[in-house]
Amino acid sequence: MSQVSEPPAQPRNPLHGVTLERMLTELHACYGWEDLGRRIPIRCFSFEPSVRSSLKFLRKTPWAREKVESLYLFMLREMRRHQ
């Protein structure tokens, strides 16, 4: 019988434990849909945007999710810089 071990902790990974919904909500609060659509030109940010429709698209589209994660990390760095 094999033992199931817990995944290693990731204390230095700023995305660890952050849901896609939380990232999207914080990005929307910081930039708004219009600016998000300019920064990441995908239809779900530009045409009738909502968190729900964006989550549906991002969960199925790895390249778009990576762009959202990168922008989220950039936003966190900028927020820390301006504190």
Protein backbone atom coordinates (compact mmCIF):
# COMPACT_ATOMS: atom_id res chain seq x y z
CA MET A 1 0.00 0.00 0.00
CA SER A 2 1.46 3.37 -0.99
CA GLN A 3 1.21 6.41 1.21
CA VAL A 4 -0.32 9.57 -0.15
CA SER A 5 1.81 12.53 0.77
CA GLU A 6 0.70 16.13 0.76
CA PRO A 7 2.05 18.34 -1.99
CA PRO A 8 5.02 20.43 -0.91
CA ALA A 9 4.21 23.82 0.58
CA GLN A 10 4.90 26.78 -1.66
CA PRO A 11 5.47 29.69 0.72
CA ARG A 12 7.28 31.82 -1.88
CA ASN A 13 4.76 31.28 -4.70
CA PRO A 14 2.43 34.31 -4.70
CA LEU A 15 -0.18 32.37 -6.71
CA HIS A 16 -0.34 29.49 -4.22
CA GLY A 17 -3.84 29.29 -2.77
CA VAL A 18 -5.20 32.12 -4.95
CA THR A 19 -8.22 31.11 -7.00
CA LEU A 20 -8.72 32.26 -10.57
CA GLU A 21 -11.92 33.97 -9.44
CA ARG A 22 -10.04 35.97 -6.80
CA MET A 23 -7.36 36.98 -9.33
CA LEU A 24 -10.01 38.11 -11.80
CA THR A 25 -11.98 40.00 -9.16
CA GLU A 26 -8.89 41.84 -7.92
CA LEU A 27 -7.73 42.65 -11.46
CA HIS A 28 -11.19 43.99 -12.31
CA ALA A 29 -11.20 46.12 -9.15
CA CYS A 30 -7.75 47.50 -10.00
CA TYR A 31 -8.03 48.02 -13.76
CA GLY A 32 -11.69 47.73 -14.77
CA TRP A 33 -12.95 45.74 -17.77
CA GLU A 34 -11.93 48.32 -20.36
CA ASP A 35 -8.30 48.44 -19.24
CA LEU A 36 -8.19 44.65 -18.81
CA GLY A 37 -9.40 44.31 -22.40
CA ARG A 38 -6.56 46.57 -23.56
CA ARG A 39 -3.91 44.80 -21.50
CA ILE A 40 -5.11 41.28 -22.43
CA PRO A 41 -7.03 41.49 -25.72
CA ILE A 42 -9.55 38.69 -25.30
CA ARG A 43 -13.23 38.93 -26.12
CA CYS A 44 -14.49 38.02 -22.63
CA PHE A 45 -12.91 41.25 -21.30
CA SER A 46 -14.12 43.47 -24.15
CA PHE A 47 -17.59 42.28 -25.15
CA GLU A 48 -20.24 42.09 -22.39
CA PRO A 49 -17.62 41.27 -19.72
CA SER A 50 -18.45 39.51 -16.48
CA VAL A 51 -16.52 37.47 -13.95
CA ARG A 52 -18.64 34.41 -14.75
CA SER A 53 -18.09 34.48 -18.53
CA SER A 54 -14.41 35.27 -18.09
CA LEU A 55 -13.91 32.37 -15.67
CA LYS A 56 -15.62 30.00 -18.11
CA PHE A 57 -13.26 31.06 -20.92
CA LEU A 58 -10.09 31.19 -18.81
CA ARG A 59 -10.63 27.72 -17.35
CA LYS A 60 -10.68 26.27 -20.87
CA THR A 61 -7.88 28.40 -22.34
CA PRO A 62 -4.44 27.87 -20.77
CA TRP A 63 -2.64 30.63 -22.73
CA ALA A 64 -5.20 33.22 -21.62
CA ARG A 65 -5.04 32.05 -18.01
CA GLU A 66 -1.25 32.45 -18.09
CA LYS A 67 -1.66 36.04 -19.26
CA VAL A 68 -4.11 36.73 -16.42
CA GLU A 69 -1.72 35.18 -13.89
CA SER A 70 1.16 37.29 -15.25
CA LEU A 71 -0.89 40.48 -15.03
CA TYR A 72 -1.95 39.56 -11.49
CA LEU A 73 1.69 39.10 -10.45
CA PHE A 74 2.55 42.43 -12.10
CA MET A 75 -0.30 44.11 -10.18
CA LEU A 76 0.95 42.65 -6.88
CA ARG A 77 4.51 43.89 -7.57
CA GLU A 78 3.23 47.37 -8.43
CA MET A 79 1.09 47.50 -5.29
CA ARG A 80 4.08 46.51 -3.12
CA ARG A 81 6.26 49.08 -4.88
CA HIS A 82 3.84 51.91 -4.14
CA GLN A 83 3.31 51.12 -0.45
